[in-house]
């Protein structure tokens, strides 16, 4: 019984994989002090400073997969690699793309032969697009649809079968929001910058349905850990 709670917390991702067959899900975003992850025009580079971005890259080097939605690929054209420090793992880049509309010129596709890239799509996605993407080195997995696109529980089940222990969901707001709304998140990493964006049309981090009442909100009082990072703050909490 010595340090039992600490050991349970340390091994929680592995325990979840063994008991539930699913990876530990971390939702990650960078936001302004007023809770926006992008302006009303979609501009998000860069909200946080270099030190916060370096920290995020180090986290990427410790997870099995990094997940984004199609719109993030289209808008930001990310690489989704850990480019700071020595990575202990090479994370698989995962795109949630119901209709296989990922551009062939996207960096995730053009580098797929060198860095693992997995695209989840719907059962009816065009076979011609699958052929082009697999030819570029991407792996494709078809899953059934859900109320908000792909069935996220099914996606997690598939990742569990691949023995992924932990995944980092990086966006965009709707993708983060769907994981949150369906109760699929285990942890959050939030980078807060001392800037104000404003605007009713600016994007929030959990940009889906959300809770109906304050009484239904997730309380983080006893689990949150926050500290200064660069000119902003970093908060980490388990849900």
C-alpha atoms as a PDB file:
ATOM      1  CA  UNK A   1       0.000   0.000   0.000  1.00  0.00           C
ATOM      2  CA  UNK A   2       2.996   2.356   0.097  1.00  0.00           C
ATOM      3  CA  UNK A   3       2.490   5.175  -2.436  1.00  0.00           C
ATOM      4  CA  UNK A   4      -0.479   3.275  -3.891  1.00  0.00           C
ATOM      5  CA  UNK A   5      -2.297   6.388  -5.125  1.00  0.00           C
ATOM      6  CA  UNK A   6       0.868   7.792  -6.681  1.00  0.00           C
ATOM      7  CA  UNK A   7       1.552   4.496  -8.438  1.00  0.00           C
ATOM      8  CA  UNK A   8      -2.031   4.344  -9.721  1.00  0.00           C
ATOM      9  CA  UNK A   9      -1.742   7.880 -11.111  1.00  0.00           C
ATOM     10  CA  UNK A  10       1.603   7.118 -12.752  1.00  0.00           C
ATOM     11  CA  UNK A  11       0.299   3.952 -14.406  1.00  0.00           C
ATOM     12  CA  UNK A  12      -3.195   5.254 -15.258  1.00  0.00           C
ATOM     13  CA  UNK A  13      -2.665   5.312 -19.063  1.00  0.00           C
ATOM     14  CA  UNK A  14      -1.373   1.733 -19.123  1.00  0.00           C
ATOM     15  CA  UNK A  15      -4.135   0.581 -16.778  1.00  0.00           C
ATOM     16  CA  UNK A  16      -6.777   2.139 -19.025  1.00  0.00           C
ATOM     17  CA  UNK A  17      -5.363   0.361 -22.076  1.00  0.00           C
ATOM     18  CA  UNK A  18      -5.404  -2.993 -20.279  1.00  0.00           C
ATOM     19  CA  UNK A  19      -8.847  -2.606 -18.689  1.00  0.00           C
ATOM     20  CA  UNK A  20     -10.755  -0.666 -21.377  1.00  0.00           C
ATOM     21  CA  UNK A  21      -8.741  -1.416 -24.508  1.00  0.00           C
ATOM     22  CA  UNK A  22      -8.399   2.299 -25.257  1.00  0.00           C
ATOM     23  CA  UNK A  23      -5.553   4.821 -25.039  1.00  0.00           C
ATOM     24  CA  UNK A  24      -5.320   7.671 -22.553  1.00  0.00           C
ATOM     25  CA  UNK A  25      -6.696  10.805 -24.254  1.00  0.00           C
ATOM     26  CA  UNK A  26      -5.050  14.193 -23.651  1.00  0.00           C
ATOM     27  CA  UNK A  27      -6.751  17.294 -25.049  1.00  0.00           C
ATOM     28  CA  UNK A  28      -4.215  20.036 -25.759  1.00  0.00           C
ATOM     29  CA  UNK A  29      -4.673  23.622 -26.858  1.00  0.00           C
ATOM     30  CA  UNK A  30      -3.146  27.092 -26.643  1.00  0.00           C
ATOM     31  CA  UNK A  31      -5.475  29.971 -25.848  1.00  0.00           C
ATOM     32  CA  UNK A  32      -5.662  33.656 -25.083  1.00  0.00           C
ATOM     33  CA  UNK A  33      -6.529  34.864 -21.594  1.00  0.00           C
ATOM     34  CA  UNK A  34     -10.128  35.339 -22.739  1.00  0.00           C
ATOM     35  CA  UNK A  35     -10.364  31.711 -23.887  1.00  0.00           C
ATOM     36  CA  UNK A  36      -9.898  31.906 -27.671  1.00  0.00           C
ATOM     37  CA  UNK A  37      -7.731  29.588 -29.767  1.00  0.00           C
ATOM     38  CA  UNK A  38      -8.042  31.621 -32.977  1.00  0.00           C
ATOM     39  CA  UNK A  39      -9.372  34.961 -34.175  1.00  0.00           C
ATOM     40  CA  UNK A  40     -12.644  35.370 -36.064  1.00  0.00           C
ATOM     41  CA  UNK A  41     -10.654  34.919 -39.313  1.00  0.00           C
ATOM     42  CA  UNK A  42      -9.084  31.668 -38.076  1.00  0.00           C
ATOM     43  CA  UNK A  43      -5.620  33.120 -37.459  1.00  0.00           C
ATOM     44  CA  UNK A  44      -3.866  31.273 -34.605  1.00  0.00           C
ATOM     45  CA  UNK A  45      -0.118  31.810 -35.173  1.00  0.00           C
ATOM     46  CA  UNK A  46       1.218  32.399 -32.660  1.00  0.00           C
ATOM     47  CA  UNK A  47      -0.889  32.829 -29.526  1.00  0.00           C
ATOM     48  CA  UNK A  48       1.762  31.535 -27.133  1.00  0.00           C
ATOM     49  CA  UNK A  49       5.485  32.238 -26.989  1.00  0.00           C
ATOM     50  CA  UNK A  50       8.443  30.087 -28.032  1.00  0.00           C
ATOM     51  CA  UNK A  51       8.957  28.559 -24.588  1.00  0.00           C
ATOM     52  CA  UNK A  52       5.387  27.251 -24.509  1.00  0.00           C
ATOM     53  CA  UNK A  53       5.752  25.838 -28.011  1.00  0.00           C
ATOM     54  CA  UNK A  54       8.987  24.091 -27.033  1.00  0.00           C
ATOM     55  CA  UNK A  55       7.207  22.504 -24.066  1.00  0.00           C
ATOM     56  CA  UNK A  56       4.430  21.284 -26.362  1.00  0.00           C
ATOM     57  CA  UNK A  57       6.999  19.745 -28.701  1.00  0.00           C
ATOM     58  CA  UNK A  58       8.567  17.848 -25.810  1.00  0.00           C
ATOM     59  CA  UNK A  59       5.151  16.439 -24.894  1.00  0.00           C
ATOM     60  CA  UNK A  60       4.722  15.282 -28.504  1.00  0.00           C
ATOM     61  CA  UNK A  61       7.892  13.272 -28.070  1.00  0.00           C
ATOM     62  CA  UNK A  62       6.328  11.268 -25.242  1.00  0.00           C
ATOM     63  CA  UNK A  63       3.014  10.155 -26.778  1.00  0.00           C
ATOM     64  CA  UNK A  64       2.070   7.405 -29.214  1.00  0.00           C
ATOM     65  CA  UNK A  65      -0.107   9.510 -31.489  1.00  0.00           C
ATOM     66  CA  UNK A  66      -1.156  13.081 -32.268  1.00  0.00           C
ATOM     67  CA  UNK A  67      -4.727  13.593 -33.510  1.00  0.00           C
ATOM     68  CA  UNK A  68      -6.190  16.443 -35.559  1.00  0.00           C
ATOM     69  CA  UNK A  69      -9.279  17.010 -37.648  1.00  0.00           C
ATOM     70  CA  UNK A  70      -9.339  17.688 -41.379  1.00  0.00           C
ATOM     71  CA  UNK A  71      -9.881  21.434 -40.997  1.00  0.00           C
ATOM     72  CA  UNK A  72      -6.689  21.769 -38.949  1.00  0.00           C
ATOM     73  CA  UNK A  73      -4.788  20.057 -41.766  1.00  0.00           C
ATOM     74  CA  UNK A  74      -6.335  22.382 -44.337  1.00  0.00           C
ATOM     75  CA  UNK A  75      -5.866  25.569 -42.333  1.00  0.00           C
ATOM     76  CA  UNK A  76      -2.503  25.055 -40.610  1.00  0.00           C
ATOM     77  CA  UNK A  77      -0.792  22.350 -42.709  1.00  0.00           C
ATOM     78  CA  UNK A  78       1.029  21.029 -39.604  1.00  0.00           C
ATOM     79  CA  UNK A  79       3.857  18.492 -39.381  1.00  0.00           C
ATOM     80  CA  UNK A  80       2.796  17.210 -35.912  1.00  0.00           C
ATOM     81  CA  UNK A  81       6.290  16.169 -34.904  1.00  0.00           C
ATOM     82  CA  UNK A  82       8.315  16.732 -31.754  1.00  0.00           C
ATOM     83  CA  UNK A  83      11.154  18.963 -32.898  1.00  0.00           C
ATOM     84  CA  UNK A  84      12.661  19.901 -29.520  1.00  0.00           C
ATOM     85  CA  UNK A  85      14.821  17.669 -27.371  1.00  0.00           C
ATOM     86  CA  UNK A  86      15.226  13.917 -27.746  1.00  0.00           C
ATOM     87  CA  UNK A  87      11.930  12.197 -28.447  1.00  0.00           C
ATOM     88  CA  UNK A  88      11.385   8.888 -26.656  1.00  0.00           C
ATOM     89  CA  UNK A  89       8.722   7.910 -29.185  1.00  0.00           C
ATOM     90  CA  UNK A  90       7.858   8.745 -32.783  1.00  0.00           C
ATOM     91  CA  UNK A  91       4.186   9.662 -32.615  1.00  0.00           C
ATOM     92  CA  UNK A  92       1.865   8.487 -35.367  1.00  0.00           C
ATOM     93  CA  UNK A  93       0.100  11.473 -36.972  1.00  0.00           C
ATOM     94  CA  UNK A  94      -3.649  10.814 -37.116  1.00  0.00           C
ATOM     95  CA  UNK A  95      -6.198  12.699 -39.224  1.00  0.00           C
ATOM     96  CA  UNK A  96      -9.955  12.395 -38.680  1.00  0.00           C
ATOM     97  CA  UNK A  97     -11.248  12.787 -42.229  1.00  0.00           C
ATOM     98  CA  UNK A  98     -14.703  11.278 -42.922  1.00  0.00           C
ATOM     99  CA  UNK A  99     -14.619  11.747 -46.719  1.00  0.00           C
ATOM    100  CA  UNK A 100     -10.847  11.426 -47.312  1.00  0.00           C
ATOM    101  CA  UNK A 101     -10.481  15.043 -48.372  1.00  0.00           C
ATOM    102  CA  UNK A 102      -6.961  15.457 -46.978  1.00  0.00           C
ATOM    103  CA  UNK A 103      -4.972  17.378 -49.623  1.00  0.00           C
ATOM    104  CA  UNK A 104      -2.256  15.368 -51.341  1.00  0.00           C
ATOM    105  CA  UNK A 105       0.075  18.368 -50.966  1.00  0.00           C
ATOM    106  CA  UNK A 106      -0.377  18.473 -47.152  1.00  0.00           C
ATOM    107  CA  UNK A 107       2.852  18.004 -45.198  1.00  0.00           C
ATOM    108  CA  UNK A 108       1.335  15.055 -43.343  1.00  0.00           C
ATOM    109  CA  UNK A 109       0.890  13.301 -46.688  1.00  0.00           C
ATOM    110  CA  UNK A 110       4.152  14.289 -48.363  1.00  0.00           C
ATOM    111  CA  UNK A 111       6.120  13.041 -45.330  1.00  0.00           C
ATOM    112  CA  UNK A 112       4.009   9.921 -44.724  1.00  0.00           C
ATOM    113  CA  UNK A 113       6.667   7.612 -46.145  1.00  0.00           C
ATOM    114  CA  UNK A 114       9.059   8.786 -43.416  1.00  0.00           C
ATOM    115  CA  UNK A 115       6.743   9.405 -40.434  1.00  0.00           C
ATOM    116  CA  UNK A 116       3.720   7.174 -39.691  1.00  0.00           C
ATOM    117  CA  UNK A 117       0.470   8.816 -40.813  1.00  0.00           C
ATOM    118  CA  UNK A 118      -2.926   7.228 -40.215  1.00  0.00           C
ATOM    119  CA  UNK A 119      -6.207   8.573 -41.590  1.00  0.00           C
ATOM    120  CA  UNK A 120      -9.575   7.499 -40.180  1.00  0.00           C
ATOM    121  CA  UNK A 121     -12.410   7.841 -42.663  1.00  0.00           C
ATOM    122  CA  UNK A 122     -16.010   6.777 -43.077  1.00  0.00           C
ATOM    123  CA  UNK A 123     -17.108   3.484 -44.579  1.00  0.00           C
ATOM    124  CA  UNK A 124     -18.303   5.216 -47.765  1.00  0.00           C
ATOM    125  CA  UNK A 125     -15.246   7.394 -48.423  1.00  0.00           C
ATOM    126  CA  UNK A 126     -14.160   7.225 -52.092  1.00  0.00           C
ATOM    127  CA  UNK A 127     -11.878   4.301 -52.907  1.00  0.00           C
ATOM    128  CA  UNK A 128     -10.023   6.426 -55.475  1.00  0.00           C
ATOM    129  CA  UNK A 129      -8.909   8.852 -52.760  1.00  0.00           C
ATOM    130  CA  UNK A 130      -7.853   5.979 -50.524  1.00  0.00           C
ATOM    131  CA  UNK A 131      -5.689   4.624 -53.338  1.00  0.00           C
ATOM    132  CA  UNK A 132      -3.937   7.969 -53.828  1.00  0.00           C
ATOM    133  CA  UNK A 133      -3.295   8.467 -50.115  1.00  0.00           C
ATOM    134  CA  UNK A 134      -2.048   4.931 -49.531  1.00  0.00           C
ATOM    135  CA  UNK A 135       0.195   5.357 -52.542  1.00  0.00           C
ATOM    136  CA  UNK A 136       1.751   8.347 -50.768  1.00  0.00           C
ATOM    137  CA  UNK A 137       2.447   6.225 -47.688  1.00  0.00           C
ATOM    138  CA  UNK A 138      -0.628   6.927 -45.516  1.00  0.00           C
ATOM    139  CA  UNK A 139      -2.460   4.140 -43.737  1.00  0.00           C
ATOM    140  CA  UNK A 140      -6.269   4.230 -43.964  1.00  0.00           C
ATOM    141  CA  UNK A 141      -8.807   2.853 -41.491  1.00  0.00           C
ATOM    142  CA  UNK A 142     -12.506   2.929 -42.228  1.00  0.00           C
ATOM    143  CA  UNK A 143     -14.900   3.263 -39.283  1.00  0.00           C
ATOM    144  CA  UNK A 144     -18.623   3.697 -38.968  1.00  0.00           C
ATOM    145  CA  UNK A 145     -20.086   7.156 -38.767  1.00  0.00           C
ATOM    146  CA  UNK A 146     -21.264   8.908 -35.633  1.00  0.00           C
ATOM    147  CA  UNK A 147     -23.609  11.774 -34.826  1.00  0.00           C
ATOM    148  CA  UNK A 148     -20.785  14.275 -35.353  1.00  0.00           C
ATOM    149  CA  UNK A 149     -18.865  12.604 -38.151  1.00  0.00           C
ATOM    150  CA  UNK A 150     -16.742   9.583 -37.313  1.00  0.00           C
ATOM    151  CA  UNK A 151     -17.476   7.402 -34.286  1.00  0.00           C
ATOM    152  CA  UNK A 152     -14.790   8.529 -31.850  1.00  0.00           C
ATOM    153  CA  UNK A 153     -15.310   5.548 -29.510  1.00  0.00           C
ATOM    154  CA  UNK A 154     -14.612   3.263 -32.475  1.00  0.00           C
ATOM    155  CA  UNK A 155     -11.497   5.261 -33.337  1.00  0.00           C
ATOM    156  CA  UNK A 156     -10.237   4.800 -29.777  1.00  0.00           C
ATOM    157  CA  UNK A 157     -11.016   1.081 -29.880  1.00  0.00           C
ATOM    158  CA  UNK A 158      -8.955   0.749 -33.072  1.00  0.00           C
ATOM    159  CA  UNK A 159      -6.056   2.653 -31.521  1.00  0.00           C
ATOM    160  CA  UNK A 160      -6.251   0.418 -28.469  1.00  0.00           C
ATOM    161  CA  UNK A 161      -5.897  -2.635 -30.707  1.00  0.00           C
ATOM    162  CA  UNK A 162      -2.743  -1.030 -32.067  1.00  0.00           C
ATOM    163  CA  UNK A 163      -1.497  -0.854 -28.447  1.00  0.00           C
ATOM    164  CA  UNK A 164      -1.386   2.949 -28.359  1.00  0.00           C
ATOM    165  CA  UNK A 165      -1.095   3.900 -24.684  1.00  0.00           C
ATOM    166  CA  UNK A 166      -1.650   7.655 -24.918  1.00  0.00           C
ATOM    167  CA  UNK A 167      -2.730  10.096 -27.619  1.00  0.00           C
ATOM    168  CA  UNK A 168      -2.596  13.875 -27.840  1.00  0.00           C
ATOM    169  CA  UNK A 169      -5.613  15.558 -29.468  1.00  0.00           C
ATOM    170  CA  UNK A 170      -4.429  18.920 -30.784  1.00  0.00           C
ATOM    171  CA  UNK A 171      -7.436  20.315 -32.585  1.00  0.00           C
ATOM    172  CA  UNK A 172      -9.207  22.048 -33.955  1.00  0.00           C
ATOM    173  CA  UNK A 173     -11.873  23.358 -31.642  1.00  0.00           C
ATOM    174  CA  UNK A 174     -14.638  21.106 -32.971  1.00  0.00           C
ATOM    175  CA  UNK A 175     -12.506  17.972 -32.715  1.00  0.00           C
ATOM    176  CA  UNK A 176     -11.508  18.859 -29.151  1.00  0.00           C
ATOM    177  CA  UNK A 177     -15.123  19.675 -28.358  1.00  0.00           C
ATOM    178  CA  UNK A 178     -16.457  16.364 -29.658  1.00  0.00           C
ATOM    179  CA  UNK A 179     -14.008  14.387 -27.517  1.00  0.00           C
ATOM    180  CA  UNK A 180     -15.047  16.489 -24.517  1.00  0.00           C
ATOM    181  CA  UNK A 181     -18.797  16.280 -25.186  1.00  0.00           C
ATOM    182  CA  UNK A 182     -18.659  12.479 -25.468  1.00  0.00           C
ATOM    183  CA  UNK A 183     -16.732  12.086 -22.219  1.00  0.00           C
ATOM    184  CA  UNK A 184     -13.711  10.575 -23.975  1.00  0.00           C
ATOM    185  CA  UNK A 185     -10.991  12.820 -22.540  1.00  0.00           C
ATOM    186  CA  UNK A 186      -8.805  11.815 -19.595  1.00  0.00           C
ATOM    187  CA  UNK A 187      -6.562  14.855 -19.280  1.00  0.00           C
ATOM    188  CA  UNK A 188      -6.122  18.420 -20.558  1.00  0.00           C
ATOM    189  CA  UNK A 189      -2.999  20.457 -21.312  1.00  0.00           C
ATOM    190  CA  UNK A 190      -3.735  24.166 -21.663  1.00  0.00           C
ATOM    191  CA  UNK A 191      -1.237  26.863 -22.611  1.00  0.00           C
ATOM    192  CA  UNK A 192      -2.524  30.338 -21.719  1.00  0.00           C
ATOM    193  CA  UNK A 193      -1.028  33.487 -23.219  1.00  0.00           C
ATOM    194  CA  UNK A 194      -1.413  37.001 -21.742  1.00  0.00           C
ATOM    195  CA  UNK A 195      -3.281  38.327 -24.776  1.00  0.00           C
ATOM    196  CA  UNK A 196      -6.907  39.210 -25.443  1.00  0.00           C
ATOM    197  CA  UNK A 197      -8.580  38.338 -28.758  1.00  0.00           C
ATOM    198  CA  UNK A 198     -12.301  39.003 -28.271  1.00  0.00           C
ATOM    199  CA  UNK A 199     -15.069  38.590 -30.820  1.00  0.00           C
ATOM    200  CA  UNK A 200     -18.231  36.501 -30.778  1.00  0.00           C
ATOM    201  CA  UNK A 201     -17.004  34.554 -33.814  1.00  0.00           C
ATOM    202  CA  UNK A 202     -13.525  33.800 -32.478  1.00  0.00           C
ATOM    203  CA  UNK A 203     -12.958  30.089 -31.919  1.00  0.00           C
ATOM    204  CA  UNK A 204     -13.072  28.591 -28.438  1.00  0.00           C
ATOM    205  CA  UNK A 205     -11.105  25.444 -27.521  1.00  0.00           C
ATOM    206  CA  UNK A 206     -14.083  23.123 -26.922  1.00  0.00           C
ATOM    207  CA  UNK A 207     -16.044  24.432 -29.890  1.00  0.00           C
ATOM    208  CA  UNK A 208     -18.827  21.847 -30.126  1.00  0.00           C
ATOM    209  CA  UNK A 209     -21.997  21.513 -28.028  1.00  0.00           C
ATOM    210  CA  UNK A 210     -20.798  21.838 -24.440  1.00  0.00           C
ATOM    211  CA  UNK A 211     -22.826  21.414 -21.268  1.00  0.00           C
ATOM    212  CA  UNK A 212     -26.280  22.901 -20.758  1.00  0.00           C
ATOM    213  CA  UNK A 213     -25.859  23.976 -17.142  1.00  0.00           C
ATOM    214  CA  UNK A 214     -23.014  25.164 -14.954  1.00  0.00           C
ATOM    215  CA  UNK A 215     -23.897  22.282 -12.634  1.00  0.00           C
ATOM    216  CA  UNK A 216     -22.844  19.900 -15.435  1.00  0.00           C
ATOM    217  CA  UNK A 217     -19.429  21.527 -15.945  1.00  0.00           C
ATOM    218  CA  UNK A 218     -16.302  19.472 -15.239  1.00  0.00           C
ATOM    219  CA  UNK A 219     -14.739  20.605 -11.954  1.00  0.00           C
ATOM    220  CA  UNK A 220     -10.938  20.608 -11.795  1.00  0.00           C
ATOM    221  CA  UNK A 221     -10.385  22.096  -8.326  1.00  0.00           C
ATOM    222  CA  UNK A 222      -8.497  19.147  -6.841  1.00  0.00           C
ATOM    223  CA  UNK A 223      -6.683  17.906  -9.941  1.00  0.00           C
ATOM    224  CA  UNK A 224      -5.371  21.005 -11.699  1.00  0.00           C
ATOM    225  CA  UNK A 225      -1.669  21.836 -11.728  1.00  0.00           C
ATOM    226  CA  UNK A 226      -0.703  25.258 -13.033  1.00  0.00           C
ATOM    227  CA  UNK A 227       2.594  27.082 -13.355  1.00  0.00           C
ATOM    228  CA  UNK A 228       4.231  29.951 -15.162  1.00  0.00           C
ATOM    229  CA  UNK A 229       5.727  29.037 -18.519  1.00  0.00           C
ATOM    230  CA  UNK A 230       7.474  31.689 -20.566  1.00  0.00           C
ATOM    231  CA  UNK A 231       5.349  34.823 -20.502  1.00  0.00           C
ATOM    232  CA  UNK A 232       2.177  32.811 -19.911  1.00  0.00           C
ATOM    233  CA  UNK A 233       0.933  29.799 -17.970  1.00  0.00           C
ATOM    234  CA  UNK A 234       0.594  26.057 -18.385  1.00  0.00           C
ATOM    235  CA  UNK A 235      -2.246  24.132 -16.764  1.00  0.00           C
ATOM    236  CA  UNK A 236      -2.522  20.336 -16.615  1.00  0.00           C
ATOM    237  CA  UNK A 237      -5.465  18.440 -15.162  1.00  0.00           C
ATOM    238  CA  UNK A 238      -6.973  14.991 -15.191  1.00  0.00           C
ATOM    239  CA  UNK A 239     -10.721  14.802 -15.680  1.00  0.00           C
END
